Amino acid sequence: MASQNDLATVNAARKLAVLLQNGDRRALARAITVAESSLPADQVKAEALLAAVLPRTGGAIRIGISGAPGVGKSTFIEAFGQLLTVSGKRVAVFAIDPSSRRSGGSILGDKTRMEKLTRDPNAFIRPSPAGSTLGGVARRTRESMLLAEAAGFDVVLVETVGVGQSETAVADMTDLFVLLASPGGGDDLQGIKRGVMELADLLLVTKADGDLLPAALRAAANYQMAFHLMRPKHVGLQPKVLTVSAIEGAGIGAAWDEMTAIHAALAADNRLTRLRAEQARRWFWGEVQAVVSEAILSNANLAAEASALERAVSDGAATPYGAARSLLAAILPALRQ
């Protein structure tokens, strides 16, 4: 039976959900803070909140944006976001920053580099520390995206750290994956791994202005040739390569047109529905693993058992599979208590 505190928490979550769905930006910020919290009371509130708003989610175009550090992701997103808000769209940006080892907070501060977009009433920017989550994507980014959709945002952008497995992680939670690349000195194809390019729905060569314009055009041609040698991510949708200049605003509109064309093509034959369903399935199993890990660490006896088994594996006295089975046998009785 739910406690009085839990009932009060659920009621508070429902009130917050109403404010959020009415477009209250401060309510959205508070809701995301609750979703990101690891406090037990906040986790109860977050679950009630997400359950309340879930019917209002799914209406936005979800776009992942990645690229190596220094490629100009924040500069592009500000110019891109402004283009969308001028056209009447509401844009939410989740900028996942590397985390400080000392404080755990964001260290790049992307929000400070999107000054104009930050002041736009039709835009919402939320920097979040990546923490220790695999891929440099905050664990609760998916919940934040759903909350933004429930608040009426038409386009949700997720900017990743751009290192390690971040590209795979963001591609697994968005409808489209846009890869940014900067002009190189004739060695463009070495700048992005083949595996990352295979995730891309669209590649944009940035900084296509001034003295760098010829190099940007050469890079775009090389990347397009590389795409022709790869199997497309979606049958019948060969990824395109475009050049953009965030400073001059060149190519930004064409990039948006291409994104909407890809999204429409995926939606037309239910591939978008299947894509999101598969993403939700993987999200579920990822949460199962996370919840089990949390249950182990929050129980002193289980944590000690896990440490002992971990030492046995590292010492060569037990196999990982056997140790995992032993830990599972210890977990089940503890969960029933």
C-alpha atoms as a PDB file:
ATOM      1  CA  MET A   1       0.000   0.000   0.000  1.00  0.00           C
ATOM      2  CA  ALA A   2       1.329   3.442  -0.903  1.00  0.00           C
ATOM      3  CA  SER A   3       2.390   5.647   2.000  1.00  0.00           C
ATOM      4  CA  GLN A   4       0.911   9.075   2.683  1.00  0.00           C
ATOM      5  CA  ASN A   5       4.211  10.599   1.550  1.00  0.00           C
ATOM      6  CA  ASP A   6       4.049   8.689  -1.733  1.00  0.00           C
ATOM      7  CA  LEU A   7       0.460   9.821  -2.325  1.00  0.00           C
ATOM      8  CA  ALA A   8       1.437  13.436  -1.681  1.00  0.00           C
ATOM      9  CA  THR A   9       4.375  13.034  -4.066  1.00  0.00           C
ATOM     10  CA  VAL A  10       2.145  11.610  -6.804  1.00  0.00           C
ATOM     11  CA  ASN A  11      -0.351  14.463  -6.387  1.00  0.00           C
ATOM     12  CA  ALA A  12       2.480  16.989  -6.623  1.00  0.00           C
ATOM     13  CA  ALA A  13       3.688  15.264  -9.803  1.00  0.00           C
ATOM     14  CA  ARG A  14       0.232  15.512 -11.377  1.00  0.00           C
ATOM     15  CA  LYS A  15       0.023  19.218 -10.604  1.00  0.00           C
ATOM     16  CA  LEU A  16       3.464  19.725 -12.151  1.00  0.00           C
ATOM     17  CA  ALA A  17       2.321  17.764 -15.216  1.00  0.00           C
ATOM     18  CA  VAL A  18      -0.617  20.134 -15.718  1.00  0.00           C
ATOM     19  CA  LEU A  19       1.664  23.181 -15.554  1.00  0.00           C
ATOM     20  CA  LEU A  20       4.141  21.577 -17.937  1.00  0.00           C
ATOM     21  CA  GLN A  21       1.444  20.675 -20.480  1.00  0.00           C
ATOM     22  CA  ASN A  22       0.210  24.267 -20.372  1.00  0.00           C
ATOM     23  CA  GLY A  23       3.603  25.419 -21.633  1.00  0.00           C
ATOM     24  CA  ASP A  24       5.115  26.645 -18.357  1.00  0.00           C
ATOM     25  CA  ARG A  25       8.889  26.715 -19.026  1.00  0.00           C
ATOM     26  CA  ARG A  26       9.759  26.790 -15.337  1.00  0.00           C
ATOM     27  CA  ALA A  27       7.598  23.716 -14.818  1.00  0.00           C
ATOM     28  CA  LEU A  28       9.532  21.945 -17.596  1.00  0.00           C
ATOM     29  CA  ALA A  29      12.837  22.859 -15.950  1.00  0.00           C
ATOM     30  CA  ARG A  30      11.590  21.577 -12.577  1.00  0.00           C
ATOM     31  CA  ALA A  31      10.261  18.402 -14.164  1.00  0.00           C
ATOM     32  CA  ILE A  32      13.609  17.635 -15.796  1.00  0.00           C
ATOM     33  CA  THR A  33      15.408  18.263 -12.503  1.00  0.00           C
ATOM     34  CA  VAL A  34      13.099  15.755 -10.824  1.00  0.00           C
ATOM     35  CA  ALA A  35      13.662  13.211 -13.616  1.00  0.00           C
ATOM     36  CA  GLU A  36      17.444  13.564 -13.312  1.00  0.00           C
ATOM     37  CA  SER A  37      17.422  13.203  -9.514  1.00  0.00           C
ATOM     38  CA  SER A  38      18.540   9.999  -7.818  1.00  0.00           C
ATOM     39  CA  LEU A  39      16.642  10.723  -4.597  1.00  0.00           C
ATOM     40  CA  PRO A  40      14.002   8.030  -3.865  1.00  0.00           C
ATOM     41  CA  ALA A  41      11.200  10.597  -3.374  1.00  0.00           C
ATOM     42  CA  ASP A  42      12.083  12.298  -6.652  1.00  0.00           C
ATOM     43  CA  GLN A  43      12.146   8.959  -8.459  1.00  0.00           C
ATOM     44  CA  VAL A  44       8.587   8.273  -7.295  1.00  0.00           C
ATOM     45  CA  LYS A  45       7.573  11.747  -8.423  1.00  0.00           C
ATOM     46  CA  ALA A  46       9.325  11.357 -11.784  1.00  0.00           C
ATOM     47  CA  GLU A  47       7.557   8.070 -12.506  1.00  0.00           C
ATOM     48  CA  ALA A  48       4.163   9.597 -11.693  1.00  0.00           C
ATOM     49  CA  LEU A  49       4.992  12.659 -13.762  1.00  0.00           C
ATOM     50  CA  LEU A  50       6.042  10.668 -16.823  1.00  0.00           C
ATOM     51  CA  ALA A  51       2.976   8.438 -16.548  1.00  0.00           C
ATOM     52  CA  ALA A  52       0.761  11.532 -16.505  1.00  0.00           C
ATOM     53  CA  VAL A  53       2.323  13.154 -19.590  1.00  0.00           C
ATOM     54  CA  LEU A  54       3.033  10.027 -21.664  1.00  0.00           C
ATOM     55  CA  PRO A  55      -0.128  10.379 -23.820  1.00  0.00           C
ATOM     56  CA  ARG A  56       1.086  13.842 -24.884  1.00  0.00           C
ATOM     57  CA  THR A  57       4.507  12.658 -26.067  1.00  0.00           C
ATOM     58  CA  GLY A  58       5.807  11.502 -29.430  1.00  0.00           C
ATOM     59  CA  GLY A  59       4.815  14.496 -31.528  1.00  0.00           C
ATOM     60  CA  ALA A  60       8.232  16.094 -31.988  1.00  0.00           C
ATOM     61  CA  ILE A  61      10.945  15.450 -34.537  1.00  0.00           C
ATOM     62  CA  ARG A  62      13.841  14.007 -32.532  1.00  0.00           C
ATOM     63  CA  ILE A  63      17.240  14.892 -33.967  1.00  0.00           C
ATOM     64  CA  GLY A  64      20.620  13.806 -32.680  1.00  0.00           C
ATOM     65  CA  ILE A  65      23.599  16.001 -33.522  1.00  0.00           C
ATOM     66  CA  SER A  66      27.172  14.889 -33.073  1.00  0.00           C
ATOM     67  CA  GLY A  67      30.665  15.508 -34.326  1.00  0.00           C
ATOM     68  CA  ALA A  68      34.208  15.799 -33.083  1.00  0.00           C
ATOM     69  CA  PRO A  69      35.028  18.539 -30.543  1.00  0.00           C
ATOM     70  CA  GLY A  70      35.700  21.824 -32.336  1.00  0.00           C
ATOM     71  CA  VAL A  71      33.504  21.060 -35.340  1.00  0.00           C
ATOM     72  CA  GLY A  72      31.104  23.849 -34.361  1.00  0.00           C
ATOM     73  CA  LYS A  73      28.134  21.945 -32.940  1.00  0.00           C
ATOM     74  CA  SER A  74      26.967  24.715 -30.616  1.00  0.00           C
ATOM     75  CA  THR A  75      27.406  27.394 -33.290  1.00  0.00           C
ATOM     76  CA  PHE A  76      25.412  25.337 -35.775  1.00  0.00           C
ATOM     77  CA  ILE A  77      22.664  24.509 -33.264  1.00  0.00           C
ATOM     78  CA  GLU A  78      22.202  28.189 -32.393  1.00  0.00           C
ATOM     79  CA  ALA A  79      21.855  29.191 -36.060  1.00  0.00           C
ATOM     80  CA  PHE A  80      19.657  26.153 -36.774  1.00  0.00           C
ATOM     81  CA  GLY A  81      17.476  26.754 -33.728  1.00  0.00           C
ATOM     82  CA  GLN A  82      16.942  30.384 -34.644  1.00  0.00           C
ATOM     83  CA  LEU A  83      15.879  29.384 -38.153  1.00  0.00           C
ATOM     84  CA  LEU A  84      13.274  27.053 -36.683  1.00  0.00           C
ATOM     85  CA  THR A  85      11.898  29.487 -34.098  1.00  0.00           C
ATOM     86  CA  VAL A  86      11.554  32.229 -36.711  1.00  0.00           C
ATOM     87  CA  SER A  87       9.412  29.796 -38.727  1.00  0.00           C
ATOM     88  CA  GLY A  88       7.154  29.251 -35.712  1.00  0.00           C
ATOM     89  CA  LYS A  89       8.671  26.061 -34.320  1.00  0.00           C
ATOM     90  CA  ARG A  90       9.367  25.511 -30.625  1.00  0.00           C
ATOM     91  CA  VAL A  91      12.801  23.978 -30.117  1.00  0.00           C
ATOM     92  CA  ALA A  92      14.234  22.117 -27.118  1.00  0.00           C
ATOM     93  CA  VAL A  93      17.987  21.506 -26.983  1.00  0.00           C
ATOM     94  CA  PHE A  94      19.625  19.010 -24.659  1.00  0.00           C
ATOM     95  CA  ALA A  95      23.360  19.607 -24.707  1.00  0.00           C
ATOM     96  CA  ILE A  96      25.180  16.736 -23.054  1.00  0.00           C
ATOM     97  CA  ASP A  97      28.491  18.002 -21.674  1.00  0.00           C
ATOM     98  CA  PRO A  98      31.500  16.066 -20.384  1.00  0.00           C
ATOM     99  CA  SER A  99      31.402  15.924 -16.584  1.00  0.00           C
ATOM    100  CA  SER A 100      33.864  17.404 -14.161  1.00  0.00           C
ATOM    101  CA  ARG A 101      35.500  14.654 -12.107  1.00  0.00           C
ATOM    102  CA  ARG A 102      35.541  16.980  -9.111  1.00  0.00           C
ATOM    103  CA  SER A 103      31.988  18.368  -9.058  1.00  0.00           C
ATOM    104  CA  GLY A 104      30.137  16.045 -11.447  1.00  0.00           C
ATOM    105  CA  GLY A 105      28.765  19.063 -13.311  1.00  0.00           C
ATOM    106  CA  SER A 106      29.035  20.156 -16.930  1.00  0.00           C
ATOM    107  CA  ILE A 107      32.391  21.649 -17.892  1.00  0.00           C
ATOM    108  CA  LEU A 108      31.800  22.998 -21.397  1.00  0.00           C
ATOM    109  CA  GLY A 109      28.732  25.106 -20.644  1.00  0.00           C
ATOM    110  CA  ASP A 110      27.161  24.919 -24.114  1.00  0.00           C
ATOM    111  CA  LYS A 111      24.296  27.111 -22.914  1.00  0.00           C
ATOM    112  CA  THR A 112      26.698  30.042 -22.572  1.00  0.00           C
ATOM    113  CA  ARG A 113      27.724  29.567 -26.211  1.00  0.00           C
ATOM    114  CA  MET A 114      24.136  29.782 -27.463  1.00  0.00           C
ATOM    115  CA  GLU A 115      23.421  33.218 -26.036  1.00  0.00           C
ATOM    116  CA  LYS A 116      20.887  34.332 -28.646  1.00  0.00           C
ATOM    117  CA  LEU A 117      18.983  31.053 -28.661  1.00  0.00           C
ATOM    118  CA  THR A 118      18.921  31.020 -24.866  1.00  0.00           C
ATOM    119  CA  ARG A 119      16.995  34.300 -24.883  1.00  0.00           C
ATOM    120  CA  ASP A 120      14.511  33.080 -27.519  1.00  0.00           C
ATOM    121  CA  PRO A 121      11.080  32.499 -25.909  1.00  0.00           C
ATOM    122  CA  ASN A 122      10.420  29.625 -28.338  1.00  0.00           C
ATOM    123  CA  ALA A 123      13.593  27.779 -27.383  1.00  0.00           C
ATOM    124  CA  PHE A 124      14.552  25.782 -24.310  1.00  0.00           C
ATOM    125  CA  ILE A 125      18.171  24.807 -23.685  1.00  0.00           C
ATOM    126  CA  ARG A 126      19.176  22.358 -20.995  1.00  0.00           C
ATOM    127  CA  PRO A 127      22.841  21.458 -20.483  1.00  0.00           C
ATOM    128  CA  SER A 128      23.296  18.175 -18.630  1.00  0.00           C
ATOM    129  CA  PRO A 129      26.481  16.511 -17.354  1.00  0.00           C
ATOM    130  CA  ALA A 130      27.172  13.182 -19.028  1.00  0.00           C
ATOM    131  CA  GLY A 131      28.270  11.653 -15.744  1.00  0.00           C
ATOM    132  CA  SER A 132      29.536   8.079 -15.977  1.00  0.00           C
ATOM    133  CA  THR A 133      26.895   6.896 -18.431  1.00  0.00           C
ATOM    134  CA  LEU A 134      28.235   4.941 -21.399  1.00  0.00           C
ATOM    135  CA  GLY A 135      28.498   7.041 -24.509  1.00  0.00           C
ATOM    136  CA  GLY A 136      28.500  10.454 -22.863  1.00  0.00           C
ATOM    137  CA  VAL A 137      24.725  10.687 -22.947  1.00  0.00           C
ATOM    138  CA  ALA A 138      22.956  11.447 -19.695  1.00  0.00           C
ATOM    139  CA  ARG A 139      20.924   8.463 -18.497  1.00  0.00           C
ATOM    140  CA  ARG A 140      17.777  10.554 -18.174  1.00  0.00           C
ATOM    141  CA  THR A 141      18.014  12.287 -21.550  1.00  0.00           C
ATOM    142  CA  ARG A 142      15.177  10.127 -22.883  1.00  0.00           C
ATOM    143  CA  GLU A 143      12.871  11.216 -20.052  1.00  0.00           C
ATOM    144  CA  SER A 144      13.834  14.842 -20.668  1.00  0.00           C
ATOM    145  CA  MET A 145      12.915  14.470 -24.335  1.00  0.00           C
ATOM    146  CA  LEU A 146       9.471  13.094 -23.437  1.00  0.00           C
ATOM    147  CA  LEU A 147       8.877  15.956 -21.005  1.00  0.00           C
ATOM    148  CA  ALA A 148       9.812  18.508 -23.680  1.00  0.00           C
ATOM    149  CA  GLU A 149       7.389  16.881 -26.126  1.00  0.00           C
ATOM    150  CA  ALA A 150       4.622  16.977 -23.519  1.00  0.00           C
ATOM    151  CA  ALA A 151       5.375  20.683 -23.042  1.00  0.00           C
ATOM    152  CA  GLY A 152       4.600  21.273 -26.731  1.00  0.00           C
ATOM    153  CA  PHE A 153       8.041  21.497 -28.323  1.00  0.00           C
ATOM    154  CA  ASP A 154       8.031  20.619 -32.013  1.00  0.00           C
ATOM    155  CA  VAL A 155      11.723  19.795 -32.462  1.00  0.00           C
ATOM    156  CA  VAL A 156      13.982  18.154 -29.886  1.00  0.00           C
ATOM    157  CA  LEU A 157      17.731  18.306 -30.466  1.00  0.00           C
ATOM    158  CA  VAL A 158      20.223  16.184 -28.552  1.00  0.00           C
ATOM    159  CA  GLU A 159      23.822  17.338 -28.842  1.00  0.00           C
ATOM    160  CA  THR A 160      26.347  14.775 -27.669  1.00  0.00           C
ATOM    161  CA  VAL A 161      29.877  15.060 -26.386  1.00  0.00           C
ATOM    162  CA  GLY A 162      31.103  13.687 -29.701  1.00  0.00           C
ATOM    163  CA  VAL A 163      33.571  11.181 -28.286  1.00  0.00           C
ATOM    164  CA  GLY A 164      33.586   7.451 -27.587  1.00  0.00           C
ATOM    165  CA  GLN A 165      30.232   5.733 -27.977  1.00  0.00           C
ATOM    166  CA  SER A 166      28.160   8.933 -27.804  1.00  0.00           C
ATOM    167  CA  GLU A 167      27.152   8.694 -31.455  1.00  0.00           C
ATOM    168  CA  THR A 168      25.696   5.202 -31.012  1.00  0.00           C
ATOM    169  CA  ALA A 169      23.871   6.259 -27.850  1.00  0.00           C
ATOM    170  CA  VAL A 170      22.215   9.310 -29.390  1.00  0.00           C
ATOM    171  CA  ALA A 171      21.326   7.472 -32.599  1.00  0.00           C
ATOM    172  CA  ASP A 172      19.437   4.987 -30.427  1.00  0.00           C
ATOM    173  CA  MET A 173      17.117   7.619 -28.966  1.00  0.00           C
ATOM    174  CA  THR A 174      16.387   9.926 -31.916  1.00  0.00           C
ATOM    175  CA  ASP A 175      14.597   9.750 -35.267  1.00  0.00           C
ATOM    176  CA  LEU A 176      17.476  11.241 -37.231  1.00  0.00           C
ATOM    177  CA  PHE A 177      21.213  11.310 -36.627  1.00  0.00           C
ATOM    178  CA  VAL A 178      23.039  14.301 -38.093  1.00  0.00           C
ATOM    179  CA  LEU A 179      26.813  14.196 -38.189  1.00  0.00           C
ATOM    180  CA  LEU A 180      28.877  17.383 -38.426  1.00  0.00           C
ATOM    181  CA  ALA A 181      32.336  17.439 -39.982  1.00  0.00           C
ATOM    182  CA  SER A 182      34.748  20.305 -40.501  1.00  0.00           C
ATOM    183  CA  PRO A 183      36.855  20.913 -43.623  1.00  0.00           C
ATOM    184  CA  GLY A 184      40.217  19.168 -43.426  1.00  0.00           C
ATOM    185  CA  GLY A 185      43.522  19.459 -45.168  1.00  0.00           C
ATOM    186  CA  GLY A 186      42.943  16.758 -47.744  1.00  0.00           C
ATOM    187  CA  ASP A 187      42.588  13.997 -45.170  1.00  0.00           C
ATOM    188  CA  ASP A 188      38.870  14.404 -44.506  1.00  0.00           C
ATOM    189  CA  LEU A 189      37.859  10.754 -44.487  1.00  0.00           C
ATOM    190  CA  GLN A 190      40.291   9.990 -41.673  1.00  0.00           C
ATOM    191  CA  GLY A 191      38.437  12.423 -39.431  1.00  0.00           C
ATOM    192  CA  ILE A 192      35.327  10.260 -39.015  1.00  0.00           C
ATOM    193  CA  LYS A 193      35.222   6.512 -38.504  1.00  0.00           C
ATOM    194  CA  ARG A 194      33.274   4.363 -40.911  1.00  0.00           C
ATOM    195  CA  GLY A 195      31.084   3.051 -38.082  1.00  0.00           C
ATOM    196  CA  VAL A 196      29.975   6.554 -37.191  1.00  0.00           C
ATOM    197  CA  MET A 197      29.178   7.408 -40.797  1.00  0.00           C
ATOM    198  CA  GLU A 198      26.994   4.303 -41.034  1.00  0.00           C
ATOM    199  CA  LEU A 199      24.804   5.781 -38.288  1.00  0.00           C
ATOM    200  CA  ALA A 200      24.303   9.079 -40.092  1.00  0.00           C
ATOM    201  CA  ASP A 201      21.134  10.084 -41.906  1.00  0.00           C
ATOM    202  CA  LEU A 202      22.733  13.354 -42.993  1.00  0.00           C
ATOM    203  CA  LEU A 203      26.261  14.735 -42.906  1.00  0.00           C
ATOM    204  CA  LEU A 204      26.909  18.464 -42.754  1.00  0.00           C
ATOM    205  CA  VAL A 205      30.314  19.950 -43.499  1.00  0.00           C
ATOM    206  CA  THR A 206      30.573  23.056 -41.346  1.00  0.00           C
ATOM    207  CA  LYS A 207      32.538  26.303 -41.714  1.00  0.00           C
ATOM    208  CA  ALA A 208      31.814  26.459 -45.454  1.00  0.00           C
ATOM    209  CA  ASP A 209      32.681  30.136 -45.799  1.00  0.00           C
ATOM    210  CA  GLY A 210      35.604  32.409 -46.571  1.00  0.00           C
ATOM    211  CA  ASP A 211      38.945  30.726 -47.197  1.00  0.00           C
ATOM    212  CA  LEU A 212      37.574  27.391 -45.989  1.00  0.00           C
ATOM    213  CA  LEU A 213      34.835  27.185 -48.627  1.00  0.00           C
ATOM    214  CA  PRO A 214      36.916  25.311 -51.258  1.00  0.00           C
ATOM    215  CA  ALA A 215      38.092  22.828 -48.614  1.00  0.00           C
ATOM    216  CA  ALA A 216      34.507  22.347 -47.422  1.00  0.00           C
ATOM    217  CA  LEU A 217      33.313  21.585 -50.946  1.00  0.00           C
ATOM    218  CA  ARG A 218      36.121  19.054 -51.448  1.00  0.00           C
ATOM    219  CA  ALA A 219      35.339  17.415 -48.121  1.00  0.00           C
ATOM    220  CA  ALA A 220      31.635  17.196 -48.997  1.00  0.00           C
ATOM    221  CA  ALA A 221      32.446  15.481 -52.305  1.00  0.00           C
ATOM    222  CA  ASN A 222      34.732  12.982 -50.558  1.00  0.00           C
ATOM    223  CA  TYR A 223      32.147  12.153 -47.901  1.00  0.00           C
ATOM    224  CA  GLN A 224      29.417  11.728 -50.504  1.00  0.00           C
ATOM    225  CA  MET A 225      31.635   9.316 -52.421  1.00  0.00           C
ATOM    226  CA  ALA A 226      32.247   7.364 -49.207  1.00  0.00           C
ATOM    227  CA  PHE A 227      28.505   7.101 -48.557  1.00  0.00           C
ATOM    228  CA  HIS A 228      28.000   5.581 -52.010  1.00  0.00           C
ATOM    229  CA  LEU A 229      30.353   2.761 -51.009  1.00  0.00           C
ATOM    230  CA  MET A 230      28.337   1.959 -47.877  1.00  0.00           C
ATOM    231  CA  ARG A 231      25.038   0.240 -47.337  1.00  0.00           C
ATOM    232  CA  PRO A 232      22.474   2.947 -46.478  1.00  0.00           C
ATOM    233  CA  LYS A 233      21.078   3.054 -42.940  1.00  0.00           C
ATOM    234  CA  HIS A 234      17.533   2.978 -44.335  1.00  0.00           C
ATOM    235  CA  VAL A 235      16.660   1.209 -47.587  1.00  0.00           C
ATOM    236  CA  GLY A 236      15.989   3.762 -50.308  1.00  0.00           C
ATOM    237  CA  LEU A 237      17.354   6.697 -48.284  1.00  0.00           C
ATOM    238  CA  GLN A 238      20.932   7.341 -49.321  1.00  0.00           C
ATOM    239  CA  PRO A 239      22.488   9.825 -46.858  1.00  0.00           C
ATOM    240  CA  LYS A 240      23.292  13.211 -48.369  1.00  0.00           C
ATOM    241  CA  VAL A 241      26.187  15.523 -47.639  1.00  0.00           C
ATOM    242  CA  LEU A 242      25.569  19.261 -47.476  1.00  0.00           C
ATOM    243  CA  THR A 243      27.759  22.244 -46.656  1.00  0.00           C
ATOM    244  CA  VAL A 244      26.705  24.832 -44.091  1.00  0.00           C
ATOM    245  CA  SER A 245      27.980  28.080 -42.664  1.00  0.00           C
ATOM    246  CA  ALA A 246      26.529  28.998 -39.292  1.00  0.00           C
ATOM    247  CA  ILE A 247      28.200  32.410 -39.465  1.00  0.00           C
ATOM    248  CA  GLU A 248      26.665  33.343 -42.820  1.00  0.00           C
ATOM    249  CA  GLY A 249      23.526  31.227 -42.392  1.00  0.00           C
ATOM    250  CA  ALA A 250      24.240  29.456 -45.661  1.00  0.00           C
ATOM    251  CA  GLY A 251      22.835  25.976 -46.111  1.00  0.00           C
ATOM    252  CA  ILE A 252      20.948  25.928 -42.798  1.00  0.00           C
ATOM    253  CA  GLY A 253      17.533  26.000 -44.467  1.00  0.00           C
ATOM    254  CA  ALA A 254      18.552  23.290 -46.943  1.00  0.00           C
ATOM    255  CA  ALA A 255      19.693  21.120 -44.032  1.00  0.00           C
ATOM    256  CA  TRP A 256      16.307  21.477 -42.320  1.00  0.00           C
ATOM    257  CA  ASP A 257      14.500  20.689 -45.587  1.00  0.00           C
ATOM    258  CA  GLU A 258      16.530  17.488 -45.917  1.00  0.00           C
ATOM    259  CA  MET A 259      15.841  16.491 -42.300  1.00  0.00           C
ATOM    260  CA  THR A 260      12.094  16.934 -42.718  1.00  0.00           C
ATOM    261  CA  ALA A 261      12.179  15.005 -46.006  1.00  0.00           C
ATOM    262  CA  ILE A 262      13.927  12.050 -44.332  1.00  0.00           C
ATOM    263  CA  HIS A 263      11.533  12.164 -41.374  1.00  0.00           C
ATOM    264  CA  ALA A 264       8.506  12.249 -43.688  1.00  0.00           C
ATOM    265  CA  ALA A 265       9.832   9.310 -45.706  1.00  0.00           C
ATOM    266  CA  LEU A 266      10.305   7.249 -42.539  1.00  0.00           C
ATOM    267  CA  ALA A 267       6.843   8.145 -41.254  1.00  0.00           C
ATOM    268  CA  ALA A 268       5.127   7.412 -44.571  1.00  0.00           C
ATOM    269  CA  ASP A 269       5.621   3.633 -44.429  1.00  0.00           C
ATOM    270  CA  ASN A 270       5.644   3.175 -40.621  1.00  0.00           C
ATOM    271  CA  ARG A 271       9.412   2.809 -40.411  1.00  0.00           C
ATOM    272  CA  LEU A 272       9.468   5.659 -37.888  1.00  0.00           C
ATOM    273  CA  THR A 273       6.941   3.841 -35.694  1.00  0.00           C
ATOM    274  CA  ARG A 274       8.987   0.653 -35.826  1.00  0.00           C
ATOM    275  CA  LEU A 275      12.200   2.567 -35.127  1.00  0.00           C
ATOM    276  CA  ARG A 276      10.773   4.190 -32.003  1.00  0.00           C
ATOM    277  CA  ALA A 277       9.301   0.891 -30.816  1.00  0.00           C
ATOM    278  CA  GLU A 278      12.690  -0.816 -31.116  1.00  0.00           C
ATOM    279  CA  GLN A 279      14.365   2.067 -29.299  1.00  0.00           C
ATOM    280  CA  ALA A 280      11.815   1.779 -26.476  1.00  0.00           C
ATOM    281  CA  ARG A 281      12.454  -1.956 -26.230  1.00  0.00           C
ATOM    282  CA  ARG A 282      16.209  -1.438 -25.856  1.00  0.00           C
ATOM    283  CA  TRP A 283      15.563   1.382 -23.387  1.00  0.00           C
ATOM    284  CA  PHE A 284      13.487  -1.017 -21.273  1.00  0.00           C
ATOM    285  CA  TRP A 285      16.247  -3.618 -21.074  1.00  0.00           C
ATOM    286  CA  GLY A 286      18.807  -0.928 -20.340  1.00  0.00           C
ATOM    287  CA  GLU A 287      16.665   0.241 -17.427  1.00  0.00           C
ATOM    288  CA  VAL A 288      16.296  -3.356 -16.197  1.00  0.00           C
ATOM    289  CA  GLN A 289      20.080  -3.619 -15.968  1.00  0.00           C
ATOM    290  CA  ALA A 290      20.332  -0.236 -14.248  1.00  0.00           C
ATOM    291  CA  VAL A 291      17.593  -1.028 -11.719  1.00  0.00           C
ATOM    292  CA  VAL A 292      19.178  -4.391 -10.848  1.00  0.00           C
ATOM    293  CA  SER A 293      22.569  -2.713 -10.357  1.00  0.00           C
ATOM    294  CA  GLU A 294      20.994  -0.083  -8.105  1.00  0.00           C
ATOM    295  CA  ALA A 295      19.227  -2.786  -6.080  1.00  0.00           C
ATOM    296  CA  ILE A 296      22.547  -4.557  -5.521  1.00  0.00           C
ATOM    297  CA  LEU A 297      24.450  -1.436  -4.490  1.00  0.00           C
ATOM    298  CA  SER A 298      21.704  -0.213  -2.161  1.00  0.00           C
ATOM    299  CA  ASN A 299      21.710  -3.485  -0.205  1.00  0.00           C
ATOM    300  CA  ALA A 300      24.763  -3.940   2.046  1.00  0.00           C
ATOM    301  CA  ASN A 301      24.667  -7.746   1.929  1.00  0.00           C
ATOM    302  CA  LEU A 302      24.242  -7.876  -1.837  1.00  0.00           C
ATOM    303  CA  ALA A 303      26.960  -5.274  -2.366  1.00  0.00           C
ATOM    304  CA  ALA A 304      29.366  -7.362  -0.255  1.00  0.00           C
ATOM    305  CA  GLU A 305      28.426 -10.527  -2.155  1.00  0.00           C
ATOM    306  CA  ALA A 306      28.957  -8.752  -5.468  1.00  0.00           C
ATOM    307  CA  SER A 307      32.382  -7.494  -4.362  1.00  0.00           C
ATOM    308  CA  ALA A 308      33.421 -10.983  -3.266  1.00  0.00           C
ATOM    309  CA  LEU A 309      32.307 -12.501  -6.563  1.00  0.00           C
ATOM    310  CA  GLU A 310      34.035  -9.720  -8.486  1.00  0.00           C
ATOM    311  CA  ARG A 311      37.313 -10.525  -6.691  1.00  0.00           C
ATOM    312  CA  ALA A 312      36.877 -14.228  -7.422  1.00  0.00           C
ATOM    313  CA  VAL A 313      36.463 -13.461 -11.132  1.00  0.00           C
ATOM    314  CA  SER A 314      39.453 -11.113 -11.243  1.00  0.00           C
ATOM    315  CA  ASP A 315      41.582 -13.692  -9.397  1.00  0.00           C
ATOM    316  CA  GLY A 316      40.626 -16.403 -11.874  1.00  0.00           C
ATOM    317  CA  ALA A 317      38.800 -18.436  -9.219  1.00  0.00           C
ATOM    318  CA  ALA A 318      35.386 -18.122 -10.895  1.00  0.00           C
ATOM    319  CA  THR A 319      33.996 -17.569 -14.346  1.00  0.00           C
ATOM    320  CA  PRO A 320      32.008 -14.365 -15.009  1.00  0.00           C
ATOM    321  CA  TYR A 321      28.956 -16.427 -15.993  1.00  0.00           C
ATOM    322  CA  GLY A 322      29.093 -18.588 -12.890  1.00  0.00           C
ATOM    323  CA  ALA A 323      29.611 -15.584 -10.631  1.00  0.00           C
ATOM    324  CA  ALA A 324      26.688 -13.778 -12.262  1.00  0.00           C
ATOM    325  CA  ARG A 325      24.433 -16.807 -11.663  1.00  0.00           C
ATOM    326  CA  SER A 326      25.514 -16.893  -8.028  1.00  0.00           C
ATOM    327  CA  LEU A 327      24.767 -13.211  -7.598  1.00  0.00           C
ATOM    328  CA  LEU A 328      21.346 -13.650  -9.204  1.00  0.00           C
ATOM    329  CA  ALA A 329      20.591 -16.456  -6.742  1.00  0.00           C
ATOM    330  CA  ALA A 330      21.412 -14.043  -3.907  1.00  0.00           C
ATOM    331  CA  ILE A 331      19.379 -11.199  -5.414  1.00  0.00           C
ATOM    332  CA  LEU A 332      16.055 -12.995  -5.806  1.00  0.00           C
ATOM    333  CA  PRO A 333      15.454 -13.728  -2.090  1.00  0.00           C
ATOM    334  CA  ALA A 334      16.527 -10.176  -1.198  1.00  0.00           C
ATOM    335  CA  LEU A 335      14.036  -8.668  -3.649  1.00  0.00           C
ATOM    336  CA  ARG A 336      11.173 -10.698  -2.127  1.00  0.00           C
ATOM    337  CA  GLN A 337      11.790  -9.239   1.340  1.00  0.00           C
END
